[in-house]
Amino acid sequence: MLGGKLKSFWRLLGLEIAEPPPHRNKVANESVNGGTKLALSWTSCHVCVEENKACKCDSADEDVKKEVNGMDDGEHHVRANSSFTHAVINMVGMLIGLGQLSTPYALENGGWCTAILLVGLGIICAYTSYLLGKCLEENSKSRNYQDIGQNAFGIRGRVLASTFIYLEIFMALVSYTISLSDNLSTVFSGAQVYLPGLHGLSTSQALTVIAVLVALPSLWLRDLCSISFLSSGGILMSLAILSSVGLCAVFGGVKANHRIPVLQLHKVPGISGLYIFSYAGHIVFPNIYKAMKDPSQFTKVSITTFTLVTILYTALSFMGAKLFGPHVNPQITLSMPPHLIVTKIALWATILTPMTKYALEFAPIAIQLEHSLPRSMSSRMKMFIRGSFGSLLLIVILVLALLIPYFQHVLGLTGSLVSISICVIFPCAFYTKICWSHISRPHLLLNVSLIVFGSFFGVIGTVSSSKSLFKSIQNGHAH
């Protein structure tokens, strides 16, 4: 019985120990991030996004549908029909999101010299995405980030990758929910809302509970095309936020006359996590690579994507810092003049973004859970367990977001503790181990240097963000 429980635990983490021969590990090619669903669904259900038609997954995509319904035999068979442009759109769509809200705050607090760090991290993350592509070239059976970890360091590498992946998803969703709460309180400023039986909640907390309950049914979705629709909505919301900030500068009467500090070195550890989180997306890149018709173009896709995203983040950072100066909020939308139409658009886009993300981010966890259930269990019971688990997890996230409403500290901690490992440290370590026999000395030196760099910023960023978070919690209790 104990052995059965252990086996279920490994399967929940995306690990499945094969039957004999004992020296082989069965690779359970599961999705590991909500963005993976985006990459897969845009490949297999392309009519949903590209042609704006009703989503109909034809019979050619049975393998993908089997995977979503927990019926796959352990192998993905996704059609590789993604073009260069399609891959760039997928990758850009994965990267822009929550991190864009905090880059102006990070630049203002760290000083304009930290733009070098922002651009440098963009270059480093483009390079590490290239390394992931090389790891996939070395082993054609690899399908996702977890597989690469297992190819590098065996089952320990897979456990490590899985742990950090799910931790990032969980912490990111807490940050999304905090953002949801902050923006709801601004949109409904002055309103009084009370929930029966929950009289201790403030208006903003009550609104957040209502919004999460509205999004809760989406966690019961099992259809990939429905999730694809939600993911495309999230991308549109991100673009709306970016456009609104630019329009605020042009038509809002806000003058960009604030002076940005040159460098505030003591604040760099705290804002480094915010910068690295903005580039978090590497757990999806292997799926984008596998979906390409011509994987040899993956390096060009990475360079193009990170160039576009880095330019976008840098422009947004300077624009926000110059417009609002030392009063810039950790979420740029909360700094915009509340009476403007574009501000209302940005605020609602920020509110709707988390509600489109919940199902997307929970999908891989739900799939792993469903695969760990007995095959003899009915489909309806599996759906009930899967939906119930997702609902319970979302309630836990909601409670944490209400208890720790400190957006910049939670987001910075996520970036420093988790994202920098997934985006910088692990790809360098995986590639070095997998390609050890033919890696050049300069290449080895570069990878080791990046591992040291990532570890250094990860440690100082985690310590700084943790201290700031605990201090904010103590101050909050004091009041």
Protein backbone atom coordinates (compact mmCIF):
# COMPACT_ATOMS: atom_id res chain seq x y z
CA MET A 1 0.00 0.00 0.00
CA LEU A 2 2.88 2.34 0.86
CA GLY A 3 4.43 1.62 -2.52
CA GLY A 4 1.17 2.55 -4.24
CA LYS A 5 1.03 5.86 -2.39
CA LEU A 6 4.62 6.66 -3.30
CA LYS A 7 3.93 5.86 -6.91
CA SER A 8 0.92 8.19 -6.91
CA PHE A 9 3.08 10.94 -5.38
CA TRP A 10 5.75 10.58 -8.09
CA ARG A 11 3.09 10.64 -10.79
CA LEU A 12 1.58 13.81 -9.33
CA LEU A 13 4.96 15.51 -9.66
CA GLY A 14 5.14 14.46 -13.29
CA LEU A 15 7.35 11.47 -12.52
CA GLU A 16 6.57 7.94 -13.42
CA ILE A 17 8.98 5.10 -12.72
CA ALA A 18 8.87 2.57 -15.46
CA GLU A 19 8.49 -1.16 -15.22
CA PRO A 20 11.50 -3.29 -16.18
CA PRO A 21 13.99 -3.00 -17.74
CA PRO A 22 15.08 -1.22 -14.53
CA HIS A 23 17.75 1.01 -16.06
CA ARG A 24 15.24 2.94 -18.13
CA ASN A 25 12.94 5.74 -16.95
CA LYS A 26 9.59 6.21 -18.55
CA VAL A 27 9.17 9.84 -19.53
CA ALA A 28 5.68 11.09 -18.77
CA ASN A 29 5.53 14.08 -21.09
CA GLU A 30 3.18 16.31 -19.20
CA SER A 31 2.51 20.00 -19.48
CA VAL A 32 4.28 21.99 -16.80
CA ASN A 33 2.91 25.50 -17.09
CA GLY A 34 -0.24 27.23 -18.16
CA GLY A 35 1.69 28.72 -21.05
CA THR A 36 2.34 25.18 -22.27
CA LYS A 37 -1.36 24.94 -22.90
CA LEU A 38 -1.01 28.10 -24.97
CA ALA A 39 1.78 26.64 -27.07
CA LEU A 40 0.00 23.32 -27.55
CA SER A 41 -3.44 24.74 -28.14
CA TRP A 42 -2.29 27.36 -30.64
CA THR A 43 -0.62 24.53 -32.50
CA SER A 44 -3.42 22.02 -32.45
CA CYS A 45 -6.46 24.29 -32.25
CA HIS A 46 -5.09 27.08 -34.41
CA VAL A 47 -8.53 28.03 -35.74
CA CYS A 48 -9.32 29.42 -32.27
CA VAL A 49 -6.68 32.12 -32.46
CA GLU A 50 -5.57 32.63 -36.02
CA GLU A 51 -8.92 32.71 -37.77
CA ASN A 52 -11.17 33.87 -34.92
CA LYS A 53 -13.62 31.07 -35.61
CA ALA A 54 -15.45 28.70 -33.36
CA CYS A 55 -12.95 26.28 -31.92
CA LYS A 56 -13.20 22.82 -33.43
CA CYS A 57 -10.40 20.38 -32.82
CA ASP A 58 -10.59 17.94 -35.69
CA SER A 59 -9.72 14.27 -35.62
CA ALA A 60 -6.14 14.96 -36.60
CA ASP A 61 -5.59 16.30 -33.09
CA GLU A 62 -6.78 13.22 -31.19
CA ASP A 63 -3.44 12.85 -29.45
CA VAL A 64 -3.67 16.30 -27.93
CA LYS A 65 -7.25 15.73 -26.84
CA LYS A 66 -6.23 12.42 -25.26
CA GLU A 67 -3.51 14.18 -23.32
CA VAL A 68 -5.92 16.79 -21.97
CA ASN A 69 -8.47 14.17 -20.98
CA GLY A 70 -5.89 12.08 -19.18
CA MET A 71 -6.07 9.29 -21.77
CA ASP A 72 -2.64 9.59 -23.27
CA ASP A 73 -0.23 6.70 -23.04
CA GLY A 74 2.61 8.89 -21.78
CA GLU A 75 3.77 10.41 -25.07
CA HIS A 76 2.80 13.72 -26.68
CA HIS A 77 2.23 13.74 -30.40
CA VAL A 78 1.71 17.38 -31.18
CA ARG A 79 1.73 18.37 -34.81
CA ALA A 80 4.80 20.45 -35.61
CA ASN A 81 3.13 23.06 -37.80
CA SER A 82 4.13 26.28 -36.06
CA SER A 83 5.82 28.88 -38.28
CA PHE A 84 8.55 31.33 -37.22
CA THR A 85 6.00 34.12 -36.74
CA HIS A 86 3.63 31.84 -34.87
CA ALA A 87 6.41 30.77 -32.51
CA VAL A 88 7.41 34.38 -31.83
CA ILE A 89 3.81 35.31 -31.04
CA ASN A 90 3.52 32.33 -28.66
CA MET A 91 6.76 33.21 -26.90
CA VAL A 92 5.98 36.94 -26.62
CA GLY A 93 2.51 36.06 -25.36
CA MET A 94 4.03 33.88 -22.67
CA LEU A 95 6.50 36.53 -21.48
CA ILE A 96 4.39 39.68 -21.29
CA GLY A 97 2.05 39.65 -18.34
CA LEU A 98 2.23 40.42 -14.65
CA GLY A 99 5.89 41.48 -14.75
CA GLN A 100 5.19 44.45 -17.01
CA LEU A 101 3.24 46.19 -14.22
CA SER A 102 6.26 46.44 -11.93
CA THR A 103 9.15 47.39 -14.24
CA PRO A 104 8.60 51.19 -13.91
CA TYR A 105 8.59 50.83 -10.10
CA ALA A 106 11.76 48.73 -10.25
CA LEU A 107 13.57 51.27 -12.44
CA GLU A 108 12.54 54.23 -10.28
CA ASN A 109 13.67 52.50 -7.10
CA GLY A 110 16.90 51.04 -8.46
CA GLY A 111 17.88 53.99 -10.65
CA TRP A 112 18.20 54.30 -14.40
CA CYS A 113 21.50 52.41 -14.33
CA THR A 114 19.54 49.26 -13.47
CA ALA A 115 18.22 49.36 -17.02
CA ILE A 116 21.57 47.68 -17.76
CA LEU A 117 20.47 44.83 -15.49
CA LEU A 118 17.07 44.67 -17.20
CA VAL A 119 18.62 44.51 -20.68
CA GLY A 120 21.36 42.15 -19.46
CA LEU A 121 18.80 39.73 -18.05
CA GLY A 122 16.96 39.83 -21.37
CA ILE A 123 20.17 38.84 -23.19
CA ILE A 124 20.94 36.12 -20.63
CA CYS A 125 17.44 34.67 -20.84
CA ALA A 126 17.60 34.65 -24.65
CA TYR A 127 20.86 32.71 -24.34
CA THR A 128 19.45 30.21 -21.84
CA SER A 129 16.41 29.61 -24.06
CA TYR A 130 18.92 28.78 -26.82
CA LEU A 131 20.53 26.29 -24.42
CA LEU A 132 17.17 24.59 -23.86
CA GLY A 133 16.82 24.19 -27.62
CA LYS A 134 20.27 22.60 -27.76
CA CYS A 135 19.30 20.19 -24.98
CA LEU A 136 16.27 19.15 -27.01
CA GLU A 137 18.49 18.59 -30.05
CA GLU A 138 20.67 16.24 -28.01
CA ASN A 139 17.72 14.04 -27.10
CA SER A 140 14.84 14.04 -29.54
CA LYS A 141 12.62 12.17 -27.07
CA SER A 142 12.59 15.14 -24.70
CA ARG A 143 9.29 16.99 -24.81
CA ASN A 144 9.33 19.48 -21.95
CA TYR A 145 11.37 21.18 -19.26
CA GLN A 146 11.05 18.26 -16.87
CA ASP A 147 12.42 15.85 -19.47
CA ILE A 148 15.50 18.01 -19.92
CA GLY A 149 16.07 17.96 -16.16
CA GLN A 150 15.80 14.19 -16.13
CA ASN A 151 18.17 13.81 -19.09
CA ALA A 152 20.71 15.92 -17.23
CA PHE A 153 20.52 14.62 -13.67
CA GLY A 154 18.18 11.64 -13.74
CA ILE A 155 15.15 11.40 -11.51
CA ARG A 156 16.59 14.02 -9.13
CA GLY A 157 16.73 16.53 -11.96
CA ARG A 158 13.11 15.83 -12.79
CA VAL A 159 11.99 16.20 -9.16
CA LEU A 160 13.91 19.48 -8.86
CA ALA A 161 12.45 20.88 -12.08
CA SER A 162 8.92 19.81 -11.15
CA THR A 163 9.17 21.30 -7.67
CA PHE A 164 10.33 24.70 -8.92
CA ILE A 165 7.81 24.72 -11.76
CA TYR A 166 4.81 24.15 -9.52
CA LEU A 167 6.18 26.55 -6.91
CA GLU A 168 6.44 29.27 -9.55
CA ILE A 169 2.88 28.64 -10.73
CA PHE A 170 1.56 28.79 -7.16
CA MET A 171 3.46 31.96 -6.18
CA ALA A 172 2.63 33.69 -9.47
CA LEU A 173 -1.08 33.03 -8.90
CA VAL A 174 -0.83 34.54 -5.41
CA SER A 175 0.70 37.65 -7.03
CA TYR A 176 -2.05 37.71 -9.67
CA THR A 177 -4.70 37.58 -6.94
CA ILE A 178 -3.05 40.41 -4.98
CA SER A 179 -3.02 42.45 -8.19
CA LEU A 180 -6.69 41.62 -8.72
CA SER A 181 -7.53 42.85 -5.21
CA ASP A 182 -5.55 46.09 -5.53
CA ASN A 183 -7.11 47.06 -8.84
CA LEU A 184 -10.63 46.10 -7.78
CA SER A 185 -10.38 48.44 -4.78
CA THR A 186 -9.37 51.27 -7.15
CA VAL A 187 -12.14 50.62 -9.69
CA PHE A 188 -14.80 50.43 -6.99
CA SER A 189 -13.34 53.19 -4.82
CA GLY A 190 -15.97 54.42 -2.37
CA ALA A 191 -18.21 51.38 -2.76
CA GLN A 192 -19.33 49.39 0.28
CA VAL A 193 -19.61 45.62 -0.16
CA TYR A 194 -20.38 43.08 2.54
CA LEU A 195 -20.63 39.32 2.28
CA PRO A 196 -23.04 37.43 4.54
CA GLY A 197 -21.12 35.55 7.21
CA LEU A 198 -17.85 37.32 6.35
CA HIS A 199 -18.31 40.66 8.09
CA GLY A 200 -14.60 40.93 8.96
CA LEU A 201 -13.64 41.47 5.32
CA SER A 202 -13.02 44.92 3.90
CA THR A 203 -14.70 46.04 0.69
CA SER A 204 -11.62 45.25 -1.45
CA GLN A 205 -11.32 41.80 0.16
CA ALA A 206 -15.01 41.09 -0.38
CA LEU A 207 -14.72 42.13 -4.04
CA THR A 208 -11.70 39.85 -4.45
CA VAL A 209 -13.61 36.91 -2.99
CA ILE A 210 -16.49 37.56 -5.41
CA ALA A 211 -14.11 37.82 -8.41
CA VAL A 212 -12.34 34.56 -7.51
CA LEU A 213 -15.68 32.79 -7.07
CA VAL A 214 -16.70 34.03 -10.53
CA ALA A 215 -13.48 32.57 -11.98
CA LEU A 216 -13.78 29.32 -10.03
CA PRO A 217 -15.93 27.41 -12.60
CA SER A 218 -13.17 27.83 -15.22
CA LEU A 219 -11.04 25.39 -13.20
CA TRP A 220 -13.43 22.61 -14.14
CA LEU A 221 -12.74 23.04 -17.85
CA ARG A 222 -11.22 19.98 -19.49
CA ASP A 223 -11.38 21.15 -23.08
CA LEU A 224 -8.09 22.46 -24.46
CA CYS A 225 -9.81 24.83 -26.88
CA SER A 226 -11.69 26.57 -24.08
CA ILE A 227 -8.44 27.11 -22.22
CA SER A 228 -6.88 28.38 -25.45
CA PHE A 229 -9.62 30.99 -25.68
CA LEU A 230 -8.87 32.14 -22.13
CA SER A 231 -5.15 32.37 -22.87
CA SER A 232 -5.67 34.55 -25.93
CA GLY A 233 -7.83 36.83 -23.78
CA GLY A 234 -4.95 37.19 -21.33
CA ILE A 235 -2.61 38.32 -24.10
CA LEU A 236 -5.12 40.92 -25.30
CA MET A 237 -5.41 42.24 -21.73
CA SER A 238 -1.61 42.63 -21.49
CA LEU A 239 -1.51 44.57 -24.77
CA ALA A 240 -4.37 46.78 -23.56
CA ILE A 241 -2.40 47.67 -20.42
CA LEU A 242 0.70 48.58 -22.41
CA SER A 243 -1.28 50.72 -24.84
CA SER A 244 -3.12 52.49 -22.02
CA VAL A 245 0.10 53.59 -20.31
CA GLY A 246 1.36 55.05 -23.59
CA LEU A 247 -1.94 56.83 -24.25
CA CYS A 248 -1.89 58.22 -20.71
CA ALA A 249 1.43 59.88 -21.49
CA VAL A 250 0.17 61.30 -24.80
CA PHE A 251 -3.39 62.38 -23.96
CA GLY A 252 -3.60 62.30 -20.17
CA GLY A 253 -1.86 65.57 -19.45
CA VAL A 254 0.75 63.85 -17.28
CA LYS A 255 4.14 65.43 -17.88
CA ALA A 256 7.21 63.22 -18.04
CA ASN A 257 9.33 65.62 -16.02
CA HIS A 258 10.40 63.52 -13.04
CA ARG A 259 14.08 62.88 -12.50
CA ILE A 260 15.07 59.21 -12.24
CA PRO A 261 17.88 58.48 -9.72
CA VAL A 262 21.15 57.30 -11.25
CA LEU A 263 21.66 54.28 -9.00
CA GLN A 264 20.39 53.23 -5.58
CA LEU A 265 22.61 50.24 -4.95
CA HIS A 266 20.98 49.20 -1.69
CA LYS A 267 17.66 48.69 -3.49
CA VAL A 268 19.05 46.60 -6.36
CA PRO A 269 18.67 43.23 -4.54
CA GLY A 270 14.99 43.93 -3.93
CA ILE A 271 14.16 44.93 -7.51
CA SER A 272 16.26 42.24 -9.23
CA GLY A 273 13.52 39.67 -8.61
CA LEU A 274 10.96 41.95 -10.28
CA TYR A 275 13.17 42.17 -13.38
CA ILE A 276 13.82 38.44 -13.65
CA PHE A 277 10.15 37.57 -13.17
CA SER A 278 9.37 39.68 -16.24
CA TYR A 279 11.32 37.17 -18.35
CA ALA A 280 9.92 34.02 -16.73
CA GLY A 281 8.66 31.68 -19.43
CA HIS A 282 11.34 29.05 -19.97
CA ILE A 283 9.22 26.14 -18.81
CA VAL A 284 7.10 26.58 -21.94
CA PHE A 285 9.90 27.07 -24.48
CA PRO A 286 10.55 23.34 -25.05
CA ASN A 287 6.91 22.94 -26.11
CA ILE A 288 7.22 25.89 -28.49
CA TYR A 289 10.39 24.32 -29.89
CA LYS A 290 8.63 20.99 -30.45
CA ALA A 291 5.69 22.69 -32.13
CA MET A 292 7.86 24.36 -34.79
CA LYS A 293 7.94 23.11 -38.36
CA ASP A 294 11.60 24.08 -38.54
CA PRO A 295 13.18 23.79 -35.05
CA SER A 296 16.48 25.07 -36.45
CA GLN A 297 14.89 28.55 -36.38
CA PHE A 298 14.30 28.37 -32.63
CA THR A 299 17.44 30.41 -31.89
CA LYS A 300 16.20 33.19 -34.19
CA VAL A 301 12.80 32.98 -32.51
CA SER A 302 14.42 33.44 -29.09
CA ILE A 303 16.54 36.38 -30.23
CA THR A 304 13.59 38.08 -31.93
CA THR A 305 11.26 37.51 -28.98
CA PHE A 306 13.62 38.70 -26.27
CA THR A 307 14.65 41.71 -28.35
CA LEU A 308 11.02 42.78 -28.71
CA VAL A 309 10.15 42.10 -25.07
CA THR A 310 13.28 43.81 -23.73
CA ILE A 311 12.62 46.93 -25.83
CA LEU A 312 9.02 46.94 -24.62
CA TYR A 313 9.97 46.56 -20.94
CA THR A 314 12.74 49.17 -21.14
CA ALA A 315 10.48 51.70 -22.85
CA LEU A 316 7.67 51.07 -20.37
CA SER A 317 10.08 51.34 -17.41
CA PHE A 318 11.46 54.74 -18.44
CA MET A 319 8.04 56.03 -19.46
CA GLY A 320 6.42 55.06 -16.15
CA ALA A 321 9.33 56.33 -14.04
CA LYS A 322 9.45 59.67 -15.88
CA LEU A 323 5.68 60.13 -15.70
CA PHE A 324 5.13 59.35 -12.02
CA GLY A 325 8.57 59.61 -10.42
CA PRO A 326 8.94 58.53 -6.77
CA HIS A 327 5.15 58.16 -6.51
CA VAL A 328 5.04 55.35 -9.07
CA ASN A 329 3.10 52.37 -7.73
CA PRO A 330 4.45 48.79 -7.84
CA GLN A 331 1.58 48.31 -10.30
CA ILE A 332 1.79 51.03 -12.94
CA THR A 333 -1.99 50.96 -13.50
CA LEU A 334 -2.56 52.28 -9.95
CA SER A 335 -0.43 55.36 -10.70
CA MET A 336 -2.47 56.48 -13.70
CA PRO A 337 -4.97 59.37 -13.29
CA PRO A 338 -8.24 57.65 -12.26
CA HIS A 339 -10.51 59.96 -14.28
CA LEU A 340 -9.06 59.00 -17.68
CA ILE A 341 -10.82 56.52 -19.97
CA VAL A 342 -7.51 54.79 -20.72
CA THR A 343 -6.92 54.32 -16.99
CA LYS A 344 -10.27 52.60 -16.60
CA ILE A 345 -9.39 50.35 -19.56
CA ALA A 346 -6.03 49.50 -18.00
CA LEU A 347 -7.57 48.81 -14.60
CA TRP A 348 -10.23 46.49 -16.02
CA ALA A 349 -7.64 44.75 -18.16
CA THR A 350 -5.54 44.15 -15.04
CA ILE A 351 -8.60 42.80 -13.23
CA LEU A 352 -9.59 40.46 -16.06
CA THR A 353 -6.05 39.14 -16.61
CA PRO A 354 -5.94 36.97 -13.44
CA MET A 355 -9.41 35.65 -14.19
CA THR A 356 -8.15 34.38 -17.56
CA LYS A 357 -5.01 32.92 -15.97
CA TYR A 358 -6.44 30.64 -13.30
CA ALA A 359 -7.60 27.84 -15.60
CA LEU A 360 -4.54 28.24 -17.80
CA GLU A 361 -2.09 27.91 -14.92
CA PHE A 362 -3.98 25.12 -13.17
CA ALA A 363 -4.32 22.95 -16.28
CA PRO A 364 -0.95 21.12 -15.98
CA ILE A 365 -1.42 20.47 -12.26
CA ALA A 366 -4.91 19.16 -12.90
CA ILE A 367 -3.69 16.90 -15.70
CA GLN A 368 -0.98 15.43 -13.46
CA LEU A 369 -3.53 14.82 -10.73
CA GLU A 370 -5.92 13.11 -13.12
CA HIS A 371 -3.16 10.86 -14.43
CA SER A 372 -2.35 9.78 -10.88
CA LEU A 373 -5.90 8.49 -10.40
CA PRO A 374 -6.75 4.82 -11.13
CA ARG A 375 -7.61 4.09 -14.76
CA SER A 376 -10.68 2.22 -13.60
CA MET A 377 -12.18 5.39 -12.11
CA SER A 378 -15.00 6.92 -14.13
CA SER A 379 -14.40 10.07 -16.17
CA ARG A 380 -17.04 11.93 -14.19
CA MET A 381 -15.37 11.09 -10.86
CA LYS A 382 -11.96 12.13 -12.21
CA MET A 383 -13.43 15.46 -13.31
CA PHE A 384 -14.99 15.92 -9.87
CA ILE A 385 -11.70 15.22 -8.03
CA ARG A 386 -9.74 17.38 -10.45
CA GLY A 387 -12.15 20.30 -10.17
CA SER A 388 -12.43 19.99 -6.39
CA PHE A 389 -8.66 19.96 -5.96
CA GLY A 390 -8.26 23.01 -8.20
CA SER A 391 -11.02 24.84 -6.33
CA LEU A 392 -9.42 24.06 -2.96
CA LEU A 393 -6.02 25.23 -4.20
CA LEU A 394 -7.54 28.47 -5.50
CA ILE A 395 -9.16 29.08 -2.11
CA VAL A 396 -5.73 28.64 -0.45
CA ILE A 397 -4.25 31.14 -2.93
CA LEU A 398 -7.10 33.56 -2.21
CA VAL A 399 -6.52 33.35 1.56
CA LEU A 400 -2.76 33.93 1.14
CA ALA A 401 -3.37 36.90 -1.16
CA LEU A 402 -5.74 38.48 1.37
CA LEU A 403 -3.36 37.86 4.28
CA ILE A 404 -0.21 39.04 2.43
CA PRO A 405 -1.35 41.89 0.15
CA TYR A 406 2.15 43.11 -0.69
CA PHE A 407 2.41 42.77 -4.45
CA GLN A 408 5.99 43.92 -5.08
CA HIS A 409 7.47 41.81 -2.28
CA VAL A 410 5.66 38.60 -3.25
CA LEU A 411 6.49 39.12 -6.93
CA GLY A 412 10.12 39.94 -6.13
CA LEU A 413 10.38 36.85 -3.92
CA THR A 414 8.93 34.70 -6.71
CA GLY A 415 11.50 36.04 -9.17
CA SER A 416 14.49 35.70 -6.86
CA LEU A 417 13.58 32.40 -5.24
CA VAL A 418 12.13 30.49 -8.19
CA SER A 419 12.21 32.25 -11.58
CA ILE A 420 15.95 32.92 -11.67
CA SER A 421 16.59 29.20 -11.13
CA ILE A 422 14.23 28.17 -13.92
CA CYS A 423 15.37 30.90 -16.33
CA VAL A 424 19.13 31.09 -15.69
CA ILE A 425 20.64 28.50 -13.33
CA PHE A 426 18.90 25.30 -14.44
CA PRO A 427 19.27 25.76 -18.24
CA CYS A 428 23.02 26.38 -17.86
CA ALA A 429 23.42 23.41 -15.51
CA PHE A 430 21.31 21.09 -17.68
CA TYR A 431 23.14 22.00 -20.86
CA THR A 432 26.57 21.69 -19.25
CA LYS A 433 25.74 18.21 -17.94
CA ILE A 434 24.06 16.95 -21.13
CA CYS A 435 26.71 18.32 -23.50
CA TRP A 436 29.71 17.83 -21.21
CA SER A 437 31.58 15.61 -23.66
CA HIS A 438 31.74 18.23 -26.41
CA ILE A 439 31.29 21.60 -24.71
CA SER A 440 34.06 24.11 -25.42
CA ARG A 441 36.06 25.71 -22.61
CA PRO A 442 34.77 29.28 -23.30
CA HIS A 443 31.22 27.93 -23.39
CA LEU A 444 31.77 26.07 -20.13
CA LEU A 445 33.24 29.17 -18.50
CA LEU A 446 30.25 31.25 -19.64
CA ASN A 447 27.75 28.75 -18.26
CA VAL A 448 29.52 28.46 -14.92
CA SER A 449 29.70 32.26 -14.70
CA LEU A 450 25.96 32.54 -15.33
CA ILE A 451 25.23 29.89 -12.69
CA VAL A 452 27.29 31.89 -10.18
CA PHE A 453 25.64 35.15 -11.31
CA GLY A 454 22.15 33.65 -11.03
CA SER A 455 22.88 32.10 -7.64
CA PHE A 456 24.25 35.39 -6.31
CA PHE A 457 21.27 37.46 -7.39
CA GLY A 458 18.90 34.69 -6.34
CA VAL A 459 20.28 34.64 -2.81
CA ILE A 460 20.52 38.41 -2.25
CA GLY A 461 17.15 38.97 -3.92
CA THR A 462 15.45 36.26 -1.84
CA VAL A 463 16.93 37.63 1.40
CA SER A 464 15.99 41.23 0.54
CA SER A 465 12.45 40.39 -0.61
CA SER A 466 11.85 38.13 2.39
CA LYS A 467 12.99 40.83 4.83
CA SER A 468 10.80 43.45 3.14
CA LEU A 469 7.83 41.07 3.12
CA PHE A 470 8.17 40.18 6.82
CA LYS A 471 8.63 43.84 7.71
CA SER A 472 5.47 44.78 5.78
CA ILE A 473 3.52 42.00 7.49
CA GLN A 474 4.69 43.18 10.93
CA ASN A 475 3.81 46.78 10.12
CA GLY A 476 0.42 45.66 8.86
CA HIS A 477 -0.30 43.79 12.08
CA ALA A 478 0.90 46.78 14.12
CA HIS A 479 -1.72 48.95 12.47
